[in-house]
N, C-alpha and C. Protein backbone atom coordinates (compact mmCIF):
# COMPACT_ATOMS: atom_id res chain seq x y z
N MET A 1 -145.72 106.92 68.02
CA MET A 1 -144.93 105.62 67.16
C MET A 1 -143.53 106.66 66.68
N SER A 2 -142.25 105.11 67.69
CA SER A 2 -141.07 105.54 67.28
C SER A 2 -140.21 105.11 65.51
N ALA A 3 -139.16 106.03 65.37
CA ALA A 3 -139.11 106.16 64.13
C ALA A 3 -138.41 104.55 63.27
N VAL A 4 -138.13 103.58 64.03
CA VAL A 4 -138.33 102.06 63.11
C VAL A 4 -139.35 101.56 62.90
N ALA A 5 -140.75 102.46 63.65
CA ALA A 5 -142.27 101.85 63.29
C ALA A 5 -142.45 102.94 62.04
N ARG A 6 -141.95 104.15 61.67
CA ARG A 6 -142.53 105.07 61.04
C ARG A 6 -141.95 104.44 59.86
N MET A 7 -140.12 103.69 59.71
CA MET A 7 -140.17 103.20 58.84
C MET A 7 -140.56 101.76 58.06
N VAL A 8 -141.40 101.29 59.27
CA VAL A 8 -141.84 99.81 58.88
C VAL A 8 -143.38 100.35 58.05
N VAL A 9 -144.01 100.81 58.83
CA VAL A 9 -145.05 101.89 58.14
C VAL A 9 -144.90 101.91 56.32
N LEU A 10 -143.58 102.78 56.62
CA LEU A 10 -143.00 103.68 55.19
C LEU A 10 -142.47 102.90 54.48
N ASP A 11 -142.33 101.04 54.82
CA ASP A 11 -142.12 100.44 53.69
C ASP A 11 -143.72 99.52 53.62
N LEU A 12 -144.43 99.61 53.99
CA LEU A 12 -145.49 98.42 53.90
C LEU A 12 -146.08 99.44 53.32
N ARG A 13 -146.21 100.70 52.90
CA ARG A 13 -146.78 101.83 51.57
C ARG A 13 -145.79 101.70 50.07
N THR A 14 -144.77 101.37 50.64
CA THR A 14 -144.70 101.26 49.35
C THR A 14 -144.38 100.09 48.65
N ALA A 15 -144.86 99.55 49.37
CA ALA A 15 -144.62 97.60 48.66
C ALA A 15 -146.07 97.49 48.67
N ALA A 16 -146.93 97.89 48.68
CA ALA A 16 -148.22 98.34 48.93
C ALA A 16 -148.96 97.63 47.33
N PRO A 17 -148.85 98.72 46.04
CA PRO A 17 -148.77 98.41 44.80
C PRO A 17 -149.08 96.92 44.71
N ASN A 18 -148.13 96.06 45.10
CA ASN A 18 -147.62 95.09 44.44
C ASN A 18 -148.19 94.14 45.42
N ARG A 19 -149.35 94.20 46.20
CA ARG A 19 -150.02 93.79 47.10
C ARG A 19 -150.73 92.24 46.11
N TRP A 20 -151.49 93.01 45.19
CA TRP A 20 -151.92 92.09 44.41
C TRP A 20 -151.37 90.73 43.36
N GLN A 21 -150.33 91.26 42.68
CA GLN A 21 -149.05 89.91 42.79
C GLN A 21 -148.97 89.59 43.13
N SER A 22 -148.43 89.78 44.70
CA SER A 22 -147.91 89.02 45.66
C SER A 22 -149.59 88.06 46.12
N LEU A 23 -150.09 88.45 46.14
CA LEU A 23 -151.68 87.98 46.50
C LEU A 23 -151.98 86.54 45.17
N LEU A 24 -151.69 87.03 44.35
CA LEU A 24 -151.73 85.91 43.13
C LEU A 24 -150.41 84.70 43.54
N LEU A 25 -149.27 85.52 43.60
CA LEU A 25 -148.35 84.69 43.79
C LEU A 25 -148.44 83.42 45.00
N PHE A 26 -148.93 84.16 45.65
CA PHE A 26 -149.66 83.23 47.16
C PHE A 26 -150.33 81.74 46.57
N GLY A 27 -151.54 82.59 46.31
CA GLY A 27 -152.18 81.36 45.47
C GLY A 27 -151.61 80.11 44.43
N VAL A 28 -150.75 80.82 43.61
CA VAL A 28 -150.14 79.67 42.37
C VAL A 28 -149.32 79.27 43.83
N CYS A 29 -148.84 79.62 44.06
CA CYS A 29 -147.47 79.17 45.56
C CYS A 29 -148.71 77.27 45.82
N VAL A 30 -149.80 78.29 46.94
CA VAL A 30 -150.26 76.85 47.32
C VAL A 30 -151.17 76.15 46.26
N ALA A 31 -151.51 76.43 45.29
CA ALA A 31 -152.21 75.37 44.74
C ALA A 31 -151.14 74.76 44.15
N VAL A 32 -150.19 74.86 44.03
CA VAL A 32 -148.62 73.91 42.91
C VAL A 32 -148.53 72.81 44.08
N LEU A 33 -148.32 73.75 45.83
CA LEU A 33 -147.92 73.13 47.08
C LEU A 33 -148.91 72.00 47.54
N ALA A 34 -149.97 72.38 47.78
CA ALA A 34 -151.03 71.78 48.18
C ALA A 34 -150.87 70.15 47.33
N GLY A 35 -150.46 70.03 46.44
CA GLY A 35 -150.51 68.17 45.74
C GLY A 35 -149.22 67.25 47.11
N ASN A 36 -148.90 68.46 47.26
CA ASN A 36 -147.49 67.17 48.16
C ASN A 36 -147.99 67.61 48.94
N ARG A 37 -147.02 67.16 50.30
CA ARG A 37 -147.01 67.06 51.77
C ARG A 37 -147.72 68.92 52.39
N PRO A 38 -148.22 68.79 52.75
CA PRO A 38 -149.18 70.26 53.58
C PRO A 38 -147.78 71.06 54.55
N VAL A 39 -146.86 69.88 54.56
CA VAL A 39 -145.68 70.67 55.35
C VAL A 39 -144.29 71.75 55.14
N VAL A 40 -144.52 71.48 53.26
CA VAL A 40 -143.33 72.06 52.49
C VAL A 40 -143.88 73.54 52.35
N ILE A 41 -145.75 73.85 52.35
CA ILE A 41 -146.25 74.55 52.34
C ILE A 41 -145.01 76.14 53.09
N VAL A 42 -144.91 76.03 54.48
CA VAL A 42 -144.38 77.00 54.66
C VAL A 42 -142.94 77.88 55.04
N PRO A 43 -142.26 76.47 54.13
CA PRO A 43 -141.41 76.94 53.80
C PRO A 43 -140.72 77.66 52.52
N ALA A 44 -141.70 77.16 51.74
CA ALA A 44 -141.79 76.88 50.41
C ALA A 44 -142.63 78.84 50.14
N LEU A 45 -143.12 79.18 50.84
CA LEU A 45 -143.77 80.19 51.29
C LEU A 45 -142.69 81.52 51.40
N VAL A 46 -142.07 81.10 52.71
CA VAL A 46 -141.38 82.14 53.15
C VAL A 46 -139.95 82.40 51.95
N LEU A 47 -139.42 81.38 50.77
CA LEU A 47 -138.40 81.73 50.37
C LEU A 47 -139.22 82.53 49.11
N LEU A 48 -140.28 81.94 48.35
CA LEU A 48 -141.12 82.13 47.44
C LEU A 48 -141.58 83.67 47.35
N LEU A 49 -142.39 84.18 48.91
CA LEU A 49 -143.02 84.98 48.19
C LEU A 49 -142.46 86.21 49.45
N THR A 50 -142.07 85.50 50.78
CA THR A 50 -141.72 86.46 51.74
C THR A 50 -139.73 87.69 51.01
N SER A 51 -139.41 86.19 50.77
CA SER A 51 -137.80 87.00 49.82
C SER A 51 -138.33 88.24 49.20
N GLN A 52 -139.48 88.45 48.19
CA GLN A 52 -139.54 89.03 46.81
C GLN A 52 -140.42 89.93 47.75
N TYR A 53 -141.33 89.80 48.47
CA TYR A 53 -141.70 91.00 49.45
C TYR A 53 -141.16 92.16 50.22
N ALA A 54 -139.91 91.35 51.08
CA ALA A 54 -139.64 91.97 51.90
C ALA A 54 -138.23 92.62 51.24
N ALA A 55 -138.03 92.32 50.04
CA ALA A 55 -137.05 93.14 49.00
C ALA A 55 -138.04 94.46 48.52
N TYR A 56 -139.27 94.56 48.42
CA TYR A 56 -139.71 95.69 47.76
C TYR A 56 -139.20 96.71 47.55
N PRO A 57 -139.68 97.05 49.36
CA PRO A 57 -138.84 98.26 49.53
C PRO A 57 -137.46 99.27 48.58
N PHE A 58 -136.91 98.18 48.47
CA PHE A 58 -135.05 98.05 47.68
C PHE A 58 -135.76 98.65 46.08
N GLN A 59 -136.44 98.01 45.93
CA GLN A 59 -136.80 97.45 44.20
C GLN A 59 -137.36 99.46 44.21
N VAL A 60 -138.21 99.11 44.95
CA VAL A 60 -139.18 101.28 44.69
C VAL A 60 -138.25 101.94 44.78
N GLY A 61 -137.42 101.65 45.77
CA GLY A 61 -136.05 102.74 45.83
C GLY A 61 -135.36 103.40 44.84
N ASP A 62 -134.50 101.62 44.46
CA ASP A 62 -133.88 102.49 43.53
C ASP A 62 -134.63 103.21 42.13
N LYS A 63 -135.89 102.68 41.65
CA LYS A 63 -136.10 103.31 40.39
C LYS A 63 -136.79 104.50 41.26
N ALA A 64 -137.19 104.77 42.28
CA ALA A 64 -137.85 106.33 42.46
C ALA A 64 -136.87 107.51 43.65
N GLY A 65 -135.43 106.47 43.80
CA GLY A 65 -134.97 107.52 44.08
C GLY A 65 -135.85 107.77 45.75
N LEU A 66 -136.35 107.24 46.24
CA LEU A 66 -136.42 106.79 47.92
C LEU A 66 -135.17 107.19 48.70
N GLU A 67 -134.16 106.92 48.79
CA GLU A 67 -132.30 107.51 49.45
C GLU A 67 -132.97 109.01 49.36
N THR A 68 -132.99 109.78 48.36
CA THR A 68 -133.04 111.01 48.67
C THR A 68 -134.46 111.76 49.61
N LEU A 69 -135.18 110.62 49.60
CA LEU A 69 -135.98 111.31 50.85
C LEU A 69 -136.23 110.52 51.98
N TYR A 70 -135.63 109.61 52.44
CA TYR A 70 -134.99 109.41 53.67
C TYR A 70 -133.93 110.45 53.67
N ALA A 71 -132.84 110.57 53.28
CA ALA A 71 -132.19 111.93 53.83
C ALA A 71 -132.72 113.57 54.09
N VAL A 72 -133.65 113.16 53.67
CA VAL A 72 -134.62 114.83 53.90
C VAL A 72 -135.26 114.71 54.84
N LEU A 73 -135.96 113.53 55.23
CA LEU A 73 -136.36 113.36 56.17
C LEU A 73 -136.33 113.62 58.18
N PRO A 74 -137.24 113.70 58.69
CA PRO A 74 -136.29 113.93 60.03
C PRO A 74 -136.20 112.11 60.44
N ILE A 75 -134.82 111.29 59.85
CA ILE A 75 -134.95 110.35 61.22
C ILE A 75 -133.49 110.06 60.52
N THR A 76 -132.84 109.08 61.22
CA THR A 76 -131.38 108.79 61.01
C THR A 76 -131.30 107.62 59.55
N ARG A 77 -129.87 107.46 59.64
CA ARG A 77 -130.01 106.50 59.00
C ARG A 77 -129.78 105.11 59.94
N ARG A 78 -129.63 105.01 60.63
CA ARG A 78 -129.40 103.81 61.46
C ARG A 78 -131.70 103.60 61.69
N ALA A 79 -132.45 104.20 61.75
CA ALA A 79 -133.46 104.15 62.03
C ALA A 79 -134.53 103.47 60.70
N VAL A 80 -133.37 103.97 59.06
CA VAL A 80 -133.50 104.25 58.11
C VAL A 80 -133.47 101.75 57.79
N VAL A 81 -132.20 101.82 58.22
CA VAL A 81 -131.98 100.52 58.47
C VAL A 81 -132.59 99.13 58.76
N HIS A 82 -133.12 99.57 60.41
CA HIS A 82 -133.03 99.26 61.90
C HIS A 82 -134.81 98.68 60.33
N GLY A 83 -135.28 100.24 60.71
CA GLY A 83 -136.35 99.90 59.46
C GLY A 83 -136.42 98.43 59.05
N HIS A 84 -135.86 98.87 57.53
CA HIS A 84 -135.52 97.46 56.85
C HIS A 84 -136.04 96.50 57.28
N TYR A 85 -134.55 96.05 58.15
CA TYR A 85 -134.93 94.40 58.55
C TYR A 85 -136.08 95.02 59.42
N ALA A 86 -136.76 94.98 60.77
CA ALA A 86 -138.23 94.90 61.39
C ALA A 86 -139.41 94.51 59.71
N TRP A 87 -139.33 95.96 58.45
CA TRP A 87 -139.85 95.08 58.07
C TRP A 87 -139.82 93.60 57.14
N ALA A 88 -139.03 93.54 57.41
CA ALA A 88 -138.77 92.11 56.83
C ALA A 88 -139.07 90.91 58.04
N VAL A 89 -139.14 90.91 59.51
CA VAL A 89 -139.25 90.34 59.90
C VAL A 89 -140.83 90.26 60.10
N THR A 90 -141.22 90.65 59.60
CA THR A 90 -142.79 91.08 60.23
C THR A 90 -142.87 90.67 58.64
N CYS A 91 -142.06 90.68 57.57
CA CYS A 91 -143.21 89.95 56.69
C CYS A 91 -143.10 88.61 56.60
N PHE A 92 -141.58 88.08 57.70
CA PHE A 92 -141.64 86.78 58.01
C PHE A 92 -142.87 85.99 58.88
N PHE A 93 -143.07 86.92 59.62
CA PHE A 93 -144.03 86.11 60.76
C PHE A 93 -145.45 85.93 59.88
N VAL A 94 -145.30 87.15 59.61
CA VAL A 94 -147.22 87.57 58.45
C VAL A 94 -146.45 85.83 57.71
N THR A 95 -146.03 85.77 57.49
CA THR A 95 -146.12 84.19 56.11
C THR A 95 -146.04 83.19 56.76
N ALA A 96 -145.43 83.27 58.26
CA ALA A 96 -145.51 81.68 58.71
C ALA A 96 -147.10 81.54 59.74
N VAL A 97 -147.28 82.74 59.68
CA VAL A 97 -148.43 82.48 60.44
C VAL A 97 -149.71 82.04 59.28
N VAL A 98 -149.65 83.15 58.18
CA VAL A 98 -150.90 82.07 57.48
C VAL A 98 -150.44 80.89 56.81
N GLY A 99 -149.25 80.67 56.69
CA GLY A 99 -148.53 79.34 55.79
C GLY A 99 -148.98 78.47 57.13
N THR A 100 -149.52 78.20 58.63
CA THR A 100 -149.47 77.60 59.09
C THR A 100 -151.17 77.35 59.14
N VAL A 101 -151.64 78.25 59.50
CA VAL A 101 -152.99 78.75 59.04
C VAL A 101 -153.39 77.43 57.94
N VAL A 102 -152.53 77.44 57.04
CA VAL A 102 -153.29 76.59 55.54
C VAL A 102 -152.43 75.15 55.79
N THR A 103 -151.36 75.42 56.22
CA THR A 103 -150.53 73.76 56.56
C THR A 103 -151.53 73.06 57.34
N LEU A 104 -152.28 73.53 58.28
CA LEU A 104 -152.85 73.29 59.54
C LEU A 104 -154.45 72.84 58.34
N VAL A 105 -154.51 73.51 57.54
CA VAL A 105 -156.77 73.38 57.01
C VAL A 105 -155.53 72.56 56.01
N LEU A 106 -154.98 72.60 54.92
CA LEU A 106 -154.61 71.10 54.21
C LEU A 106 -154.54 69.90 54.65
N GLY A 107 -153.83 70.38 55.80
CA GLY A 107 -153.59 68.80 56.60
C GLY A 107 -154.86 67.86 57.12
N TRP A 108 -155.77 69.08 57.39
CA TRP A 108 -157.12 68.22 57.62
C TRP A 108 -158.09 67.89 56.67
N VAL A 109 -158.27 68.84 55.30
CA VAL A 109 -158.70 67.96 53.84
C VAL A 109 -158.35 67.09 53.32
N LYS A 110 -156.85 66.97 53.53
CA LYS A 110 -156.00 65.92 53.40
C LYS A 110 -156.11 64.85 53.96
N SER A 111 -156.25 64.34 55.11
CA SER A 111 -156.47 63.40 56.16
C SER A 111 -155.03 63.60 56.42
N ASP A 112 -154.35 64.17 56.48
CA ASP A 112 -152.57 64.45 56.85
C ASP A 112 -152.40 65.45 57.81
N PRO A 113 -152.88 64.93 59.17
CA PRO A 113 -152.87 65.88 60.35
C PRO A 113 -150.91 66.07 60.64
N ILE A 114 -151.10 67.24 61.14
CA ILE A 114 -149.32 68.50 61.36
C ILE A 114 -149.33 67.80 62.56
N GLY A 115 -148.11 67.24 63.37
CA GLY A 115 -147.95 67.24 64.58
C GLY A 115 -147.41 68.33 65.15
N GLY A 116 -147.89 69.01 66.19
CA GLY A 116 -146.54 69.80 66.82
C GLY A 116 -145.29 69.95 66.54
N ARG A 117 -145.03 68.34 66.81
CA ARG A 117 -143.45 68.50 66.20
C ARG A 117 -142.74 69.26 65.19
N GLU A 118 -143.26 68.40 64.20
CA GLU A 118 -143.80 68.36 62.94
C GLU A 118 -143.71 69.66 62.04
N LEU A 119 -144.74 70.27 63.01
CA LEU A 119 -144.91 71.68 62.73
C LEU A 119 -143.69 73.41 63.02
N LEU A 120 -143.41 72.16 64.45
CA LEU A 120 -142.06 73.48 64.78
C LEU A 120 -141.25 73.33 64.11
N THR A 121 -140.51 71.89 64.15
CA THR A 121 -139.43 71.85 62.86
C THR A 121 -139.84 72.76 61.08
N THR A 122 -140.82 72.52 61.20
CA THR A 122 -141.27 73.05 59.56
C THR A 122 -140.85 74.41 60.19
N LEU A 123 -141.45 75.35 60.93
CA LEU A 123 -141.42 76.39 61.30
C LEU A 123 -139.81 77.21 61.03
N THR A 124 -138.81 76.20 62.21
CA THR A 124 -137.66 76.18 62.51
C THR A 124 -136.50 76.21 61.32
N LEU A 125 -136.98 75.63 60.14
CA LEU A 125 -136.45 75.61 58.85
C LEU A 125 -137.00 76.96 57.67
N ALA A 126 -137.93 77.64 58.28
CA ALA A 126 -138.20 78.29 57.59
C ALA A 126 -137.60 79.55 58.07
N TRP A 127 -137.36 79.84 58.99
CA TRP A 127 -136.42 81.17 60.58
C TRP A 127 -135.39 80.93 59.31
N ALA A 128 -134.66 79.45 59.28
CA ALA A 128 -133.35 79.46 58.55
C ALA A 128 -133.37 79.80 57.29
N ILE A 129 -134.15 79.19 56.59
CA ILE A 129 -133.93 80.21 55.22
C ILE A 129 -134.22 81.52 55.09
N PHE A 130 -135.05 82.27 55.59
CA PHE A 130 -135.02 83.24 55.94
C PHE A 130 -134.20 83.86 56.33
N VAL A 131 -133.55 83.55 57.41
CA VAL A 131 -132.42 84.16 57.65
C VAL A 131 -131.06 84.71 57.60
N VAL A 132 -130.82 83.15 56.14
CA VAL A 132 -130.07 83.55 55.45
C VAL A 132 -129.89 84.06 54.23
N ASN A 133 -131.29 84.31 53.45
CA ASN A 133 -132.13 85.29 52.97
C ASN A 133 -131.65 86.37 52.96
N VAL A 134 -132.29 86.81 53.80
CA VAL A 134 -131.98 88.61 54.93
C VAL A 134 -130.29 89.23 55.35
N ALA A 135 -129.72 87.93 56.08
CA ALA A 135 -128.51 88.61 56.34
C ALA A 135 -127.16 88.37 55.29
N ILE A 136 -127.95 87.57 54.01
CA ILE A 136 -127.39 88.03 52.98
C ILE A 136 -127.91 89.11 51.88
N GLN A 137 -128.72 89.36 51.40
CA GLN A 137 -128.73 90.38 50.79
C GLN A 137 -128.81 91.34 51.23
N PHE A 138 -129.77 91.66 52.76
CA PHE A 138 -129.76 93.28 53.00
C PHE A 138 -128.25 94.10 52.83
N PRO A 139 -127.20 93.58 53.55
CA PRO A 139 -126.38 94.62 53.29
C PRO A 139 -125.97 94.64 52.42
N LEU A 140 -126.12 94.39 51.19
CA LEU A 140 -125.57 94.51 49.77
C LEU A 140 -126.64 95.15 49.25
N PHE A 141 -128.03 94.71 48.97
CA PHE A 141 -128.81 95.77 48.89
C PHE A 141 -128.77 96.87 48.66
N ILE A 142 -128.18 97.51 50.54
CA ILE A 142 -128.41 98.73 51.39
C ILE A 142 -127.44 99.17 50.71
N ARG A 143 -126.20 98.70 50.71
CA ARG A 143 -124.86 99.16 49.89
C ARG A 143 -124.54 99.46 48.81
N PHE A 144 -124.86 98.18 47.81
CA PHE A 144 -124.80 98.43 46.28
C PHE A 144 -126.14 99.03 45.58
N GLY A 145 -127.35 98.97 46.31
CA GLY A 145 -128.72 99.07 45.96
C GLY A 145 -129.14 97.86 45.47
N TYR A 146 -130.68 98.05 44.99
CA TYR A 146 -131.34 96.93 44.41
C TYR A 146 -130.81 96.04 42.55
N SER A 147 -130.67 97.23 42.37
CA SER A 147 -130.43 97.39 40.89
C SER A 147 -128.92 96.84 40.18
N ARG A 148 -128.37 97.06 40.91
CA ARG A 148 -126.34 95.90 41.72
C ARG A 148 -126.53 94.66 41.88
N ILE A 149 -127.50 94.20 42.57
CA ILE A 149 -127.59 93.18 43.15
C ILE A 149 -129.03 91.98 42.97
N SER A 150 -128.26 91.53 42.19
CA SER A 150 -129.37 90.98 41.59
C SER A 150 -130.09 90.22 42.07
N LEU A 151 -131.44 90.02 42.92
CA LEU A 151 -132.22 89.21 43.51
C LEU A 151 -131.67 87.25 43.66
N LEU A 152 -131.63 87.44 42.09
CA LEU A 152 -131.10 85.70 41.42
C LEU A 152 -129.73 85.26 42.01
N SER A 153 -129.68 86.39 42.23
CA SER A 153 -127.56 85.70 43.02
C SER A 153 -127.60 85.20 44.01
N THR A 154 -128.28 85.46 45.43
CA THR A 154 -128.92 84.86 46.22
C THR A 154 -130.28 83.81 46.27
N PHE A 155 -131.15 84.19 45.46
CA PHE A 155 -132.24 83.41 45.64
C PHE A 155 -132.38 82.18 45.45
N LEU A 156 -131.58 81.61 43.63
CA LEU A 156 -130.85 80.29 43.15
C LEU A 156 -130.57 80.01 44.14
N PRO A 157 -129.27 80.09 44.84
CA PRO A 157 -128.74 78.78 45.88
C PRO A 157 -129.94 78.67 47.17
N LEU A 158 -130.40 79.60 47.34
CA LEU A 158 -131.59 79.39 48.72
C LEU A 158 -132.60 78.28 48.36
N ALA A 159 -133.00 78.39 46.83
CA ALA A 159 -133.72 77.44 47.01
C ALA A 159 -133.06 76.10 46.15
N VAL A 160 -132.14 76.27 46.30
CA VAL A 160 -131.01 74.31 45.91
C VAL A 160 -131.90 74.48 47.60
N VAL A 161 -131.33 74.86 48.39
CA VAL A 161 -131.30 74.98 49.97
C VAL A 161 -132.41 74.61 50.53
N MET A 162 -133.24 74.92 50.13
CA MET A 162 -134.72 74.68 50.46
C MET A 162 -134.76 73.08 50.18
N VAL A 163 -134.85 72.96 48.52
CA VAL A 163 -135.04 71.65 48.38
C VAL A 163 -134.38 70.39 49.00
N ALA A 164 -133.12 70.70 49.33
CA ALA A 164 -132.18 69.47 49.98
C ALA A 164 -132.64 69.18 51.32
N LEU A 165 -132.67 70.96 52.16
CA LEU A 165 -133.34 70.72 53.61
C LEU A 165 -134.36 70.40 53.92
N THR A 166 -135.36 70.40 53.19
CA THR A 166 -136.83 69.69 52.86
C THR A 166 -137.39 68.60 53.14
N ARG A 167 -136.46 68.10 51.68
CA ARG A 167 -135.85 66.41 52.09
C ARG A 167 -135.69 65.83 53.08
N LEU A 168 -134.45 66.48 53.53
CA LEU A 168 -133.52 66.01 54.63
C LEU A 168 -134.25 65.97 55.50
N HIS A 169 -135.13 67.20 55.68
CA HIS A 169 -135.95 67.55 57.18
C HIS A 169 -137.60 66.25 57.14
N LEU A 170 -137.79 66.06 56.06
CA LEU A 170 -138.93 65.11 56.27
C LEU A 170 -138.70 64.08 56.47
N ARG A 171 -137.15 63.25 56.53
CA ARG A 171 -136.82 62.38 56.87
C ARG A 171 -136.14 62.47 58.51
N ILE A 172 -135.69 63.45 58.45
CA ILE A 172 -135.63 63.46 60.32
C ILE A 172 -136.04 63.94 61.59
N VAL A 173 -137.45 64.32 60.67
CA VAL A 173 -138.32 65.11 61.66
C VAL A 173 -138.16 64.23 63.01
N SER A 174 -138.51 62.82 62.93
CA SER A 174 -139.00 61.63 63.99
C SER A 174 -137.88 61.85 64.70
N PHE A 175 -136.90 62.19 64.93
CA PHE A 175 -135.43 61.92 65.06
C PHE A 175 -135.42 63.07 66.66
N ALA A 176 -135.88 62.46 67.35
CA ALA A 176 -135.60 63.27 69.02
C ALA A 176 -134.46 63.99 69.01
N THR A 177 -133.48 63.58 68.69
CA THR A 177 -132.37 64.59 69.09
C THR A 177 -132.58 65.74 68.39
N LEU A 178 -132.62 66.03 67.47
CA LEU A 178 -133.61 67.30 66.16
C LEU A 178 -134.01 68.42 66.93
N GLN A 179 -134.46 68.49 68.56
CA GLN A 179 -135.52 69.07 68.62
C GLN A 179 -134.68 69.65 69.83
N SER A 180 -133.98 68.73 70.19
CA SER A 180 -133.06 70.10 71.12
C SER A 180 -131.94 71.55 69.87
N TRP A 181 -132.52 71.23 69.41
CA TRP A 181 -131.42 72.05 68.34
C TRP A 181 -132.11 73.18 67.77
N LEU A 182 -133.33 72.60 67.66
CA LEU A 182 -134.60 74.27 67.69
C LEU A 182 -133.71 75.44 68.07
N PRO A 183 -134.33 75.20 69.43
CA PRO A 183 -134.02 76.98 69.95
C PRO A 183 -132.52 77.41 69.66
N VAL A 184 -131.56 76.58 69.49
CA VAL A 184 -130.59 76.69 68.95
C VAL A 184 -130.30 77.83 67.66
N ILE A 185 -131.03 76.70 66.86
CA ILE A 185 -131.55 77.43 65.68
C ILE A 185 -132.10 79.08 65.38
N TRP A 186 -132.96 78.82 66.59
CA TRP A 186 -133.90 80.32 66.52
C TRP A 186 -132.47 81.70 66.65
N VAL A 187 -131.88 80.95 68.24
CA VAL A 187 -131.03 81.93 68.65
C VAL A 187 -129.77 82.01 67.88
N ALA A 188 -129.58 81.46 67.46
CA ALA A 188 -128.32 81.70 65.79
C ALA A 188 -128.97 82.84 65.01
N GLY A 189 -130.47 82.36 64.57
CA GLY A 189 -131.09 83.44 63.48
C GLY A 189 -131.13 84.62 63.65
N ALA A 190 -131.19 85.16 65.03
CA ALA A 190 -131.71 85.97 65.95
C ALA A 190 -129.64 86.81 65.66
N ALA A 191 -128.95 85.71 65.74
CA ALA A 191 -127.67 86.74 66.49
C ALA A 191 -127.50 87.18 65.00
N ALA A 192 -127.28 85.98 63.70
CA ALA A 192 -127.67 86.16 62.58
C ALA A 192 -127.51 87.69 61.93
N ILE A 193 -128.99 88.06 62.55
CA ILE A 193 -129.83 89.30 61.64
C ILE A 193 -129.16 90.42 62.29
N ALA A 194 -128.95 90.27 63.65
CA ALA A 194 -128.25 90.70 64.41
C ALA A 194 -126.54 91.89 64.03
N VAL A 195 -125.74 90.64 63.57
CA VAL A 195 -124.56 91.16 62.67
C VAL A 195 -124.99 91.43 61.95
N SER A 196 -126.00 90.88 60.81
CA SER A 196 -126.13 91.29 59.10
C SER A 196 -126.27 93.25 58.93
N VAL A 197 -127.32 93.41 60.13
CA VAL A 197 -128.05 94.93 60.86
C VAL A 197 -126.29 95.70 61.50
N ALA A 198 -125.66 95.31 61.80
CA ALA A 198 -124.27 95.99 62.04
C ALA A 198 -123.16 96.05 60.67
N VAL A 199 -123.52 95.12 60.33
CA VAL A 199 -122.61 95.41 58.92
C VAL A 199 -123.14 96.27 58.39
N ALA A 200 -124.37 95.62 57.45
CA ALA A 200 -125.27 97.04 56.99
C ALA A 200 -125.16 98.39 57.23
């Protein structure tokens, strides 16, 4: 197992005690959003759930002094940083997969099936929200620590952006021209993550 993979496992174990809280939040989010169009579930879960769960290792690390542990482990700082980002990306894809399944099931139950193009656009919107979140927060968490950088300092603006983009998305999803931008957004998001890693 590589050093980055070991860091991902360590982050998973660090965040594990909060799994029931996260599952409860997941259930509440789905219950609240179920009354709306199912298509909004994935970006909402990414913002409300992934943004918090991906940041748990920083929160726990500040309280438990895990930076000292990282310093004595046979692992480089580069691997620690890369591991945090790999953990966050893993959280995103798990949320995206589970959210997509829930979206499709709710769409079927409500007789409001989700088309492939609409679902792809929704996933792209969720990716954009995730990238903005991680690219801004993680360098700040790594440089200054979780306790000095309030999660709400970036969470609240992102919430406003998500609501605005979701409303816009529901109107423009039918435009064929949007489809040509979807790969660009995914590539640009990956590039933004790479830049954020370099800054961190």
